[in-house]
C-alpha atoms as a PDB file:
ATOM      1  CA  MET A   1     -70.393 -42.412  49.831  1.00  0.00           C
ATOM      2  CA  SER A   2     -72.727 -40.368  51.983  1.00  0.00           C
ATOM      3  CA  THR A   3     -72.438 -38.186  55.012  1.00  0.00           C
ATOM      4  CA  ALA A   4     -73.849 -39.328  58.360  1.00  0.00           C
ATOM      5  CA  PHE A   5     -73.717 -36.300  60.730  1.00  0.00           C
ATOM      6  CA  PHE A   6     -71.950 -32.989  61.418  1.00  0.00           C
ATOM      7  CA  VAL A   7     -69.146 -33.004  64.055  1.00  0.00           C
ATOM      8  CA  ARG A   8     -70.121 -30.533  66.756  1.00  0.00           C
ATOM      9  CA  GLY A   9     -68.014 -29.722  69.763  1.00  0.00           C
ATOM     10  CA  GLY A  10     -66.870 -32.888  71.422  1.00  0.00           C
ATOM     11  CA  ASP A  11     -68.833 -35.247  69.110  1.00  0.00           C
ATOM     12  CA  ALA A  12     -65.572 -36.268  67.394  1.00  0.00           C
ATOM     13  CA  LEU A  13     -64.372 -37.898  70.611  1.00  0.00           C
ATOM     14  CA  GLY A  14     -66.702 -40.901  70.286  1.00  0.00           C
ATOM     15  CA  LEU A  15     -65.654 -41.598  66.661  1.00  0.00           C
ATOM     16  CA  PRO A  16     -63.484 -44.705  65.801  1.00  0.00           C
ATOM     17  CA  THR A  17     -59.902 -43.545  65.197  1.00  0.00           C
ATOM     18  CA  GLU A  18     -60.074 -44.628  61.421  1.00  0.00           C
ATOM     19  CA  THR A  19     -63.156 -42.448  60.689  1.00  0.00           C
ATOM     20  CA  ARG A  20     -62.730 -40.261  57.601  1.00  0.00           C
ATOM     21  CA  LEU A  21     -64.502 -36.794  57.574  1.00  0.00           C
ATOM     22  CA  GLU A  22     -65.174 -34.419  54.832  1.00  0.00           C
ATOM     23  CA  CYS A  23     -65.311 -30.622  54.750  1.00  0.00           C
ATOM     24  CA  LYS A  24     -68.800 -29.285  53.982  1.00  0.00           C
ATOM     25  CA  ILE A  25     -67.333 -26.311  52.367  1.00  0.00           C
ATOM     26  CA  CYS A  26     -64.845 -27.726  49.782  1.00  0.00           C
ATOM     27  CA  TRP A  27     -65.328 -31.461  50.199  1.00  0.00           C
ATOM     28  CA  HIS A  28     -61.681 -32.128  51.276  1.00  0.00           C
ATOM     29  CA  VAL A  29     -61.548 -35.478  53.082  1.00  0.00           C
ATOM     30  CA  TYR A  30     -59.408 -35.927  56.228  1.00  0.00           C
ATOM     31  CA  ASN A  31     -58.239 -39.445  56.334  1.00  0.00           C
ATOM     32  CA  PRO A  32     -56.413 -40.319  59.651  1.00  0.00           C
ATOM     33  CA  ALA A  33     -54.411 -43.112  57.720  1.00  0.00           C
ATOM     34  CA  ASP A  34     -52.815 -40.224  55.660  1.00  0.00           C
ATOM     35  CA  GLY A  35     -52.628 -37.519  58.263  1.00  0.00           C
ATOM     36  CA  ASP A  36     -52.395 -33.860  56.967  1.00  0.00           C
ATOM     37  CA  GLU A  37     -49.172 -32.882  55.119  1.00  0.00           C
ATOM     38  CA  VAL A  38     -50.105 -29.245  55.079  1.00  0.00           C
ATOM     39  CA  TRP A  39     -50.391 -29.048  58.970  1.00  0.00           C
ATOM     40  CA  GLN A  40     -47.732 -31.572  59.390  1.00  0.00           C
ATOM     41  CA  ILE A  41     -50.065 -34.060  61.072  1.00  0.00           C
ATOM     42  CA  PRO A  42     -48.569 -37.549  61.061  1.00  0.00           C
ATOM     43  CA  PRO A  43     -50.479 -40.513  59.620  1.00  0.00           C
ATOM     44  CA  GLY A  44     -52.520 -42.332  62.182  1.00  0.00           C
ATOM     45  CA  THR A  45     -53.759 -39.250  63.775  1.00  0.00           C
ATOM     46  CA  ALA A  46     -57.525 -39.424  64.467  1.00  0.00           C
ATOM     47  CA  PHE A  47     -59.758 -36.464  63.888  1.00  0.00           C
ATOM     48  CA  SER A  48     -60.480 -36.117  67.533  1.00  0.00           C
ATOM     49  CA  GLN A  49     -56.735 -35.682  68.117  1.00  0.00           C
ATOM     50  CA  LEU A  50     -56.117 -32.832  65.712  1.00  0.00           C
ATOM     51  CA  PRO A  51     -55.046 -29.702  67.447  1.00  0.00           C
ATOM     52  CA  GLY A  52     -57.878 -27.244  68.239  1.00  0.00           C
ATOM     53  CA  HIS A  53     -56.458 -24.615  65.915  1.00  0.00           C
ATOM     54  CA  TRP A  54     -56.422 -27.072  62.953  1.00  0.00           C
ATOM     55  CA  SER A  55     -58.693 -26.200  59.978  1.00  0.00           C
ATOM     56  CA  CYS A  56     -59.247 -27.521  56.579  1.00  0.00           C
ATOM     57  CA  PRO A  57     -55.934 -27.381  54.551  1.00  0.00           C
ATOM     58  CA  GLN A  58     -57.784 -26.432  51.381  1.00  0.00           C
ATOM     59  CA  CYS A  59     -60.315 -23.773  52.421  1.00  0.00           C
ATOM     60  CA  GLY A  60     -59.592 -22.951  56.091  1.00  0.00           C
ATOM     61  CA  ALA A  61     -63.025 -24.174  57.399  1.00  0.00           C
ATOM     62  CA  PRO A  62     -62.905 -25.000  61.141  1.00  0.00           C
ATOM     63  CA  LYS A  63     -63.089 -28.715  62.539  1.00  0.00           C
ATOM     64  CA  GLN A  64     -66.856 -28.340  63.283  1.00  0.00           C
ATOM     65  CA  ASP A  65     -67.574 -27.861  59.522  1.00  0.00           C
ATOM     66  CA  PHE A  66     -66.627 -31.504  58.823  1.00  0.00           C
ATOM     67  CA  LEU A  67     -69.018 -34.297  58.166  1.00  0.00           C
ATOM     68  CA  VAL A  68     -68.595 -37.951  59.007  1.00  0.00           C
ATOM     69  CA  LEU A  69     -68.253 -40.113  55.806  1.00  0.00           C
ATOM     70  CA  ASP A  70     -70.485 -43.070  55.825  1.00  0.00           C
ATOM     71  CA  ASP A  71     -68.616 -45.593  53.724  1.00  0.00           C
END
């Protein structure tokens, strides 16, 4: 598993809905198939569809601090 690129601004809009992203601070993985229990994000929610105020549920890092996982 390796990271491909940083998500900046609107870059997440062009990602496939199933793309998993990893926090560059604490390495938490956001998997759209799982959603986010902490923020009550339902399974099937793409990273680009997360609310603007969403942050890493483990360390609080903002969305722009997530890296695309290159599986």
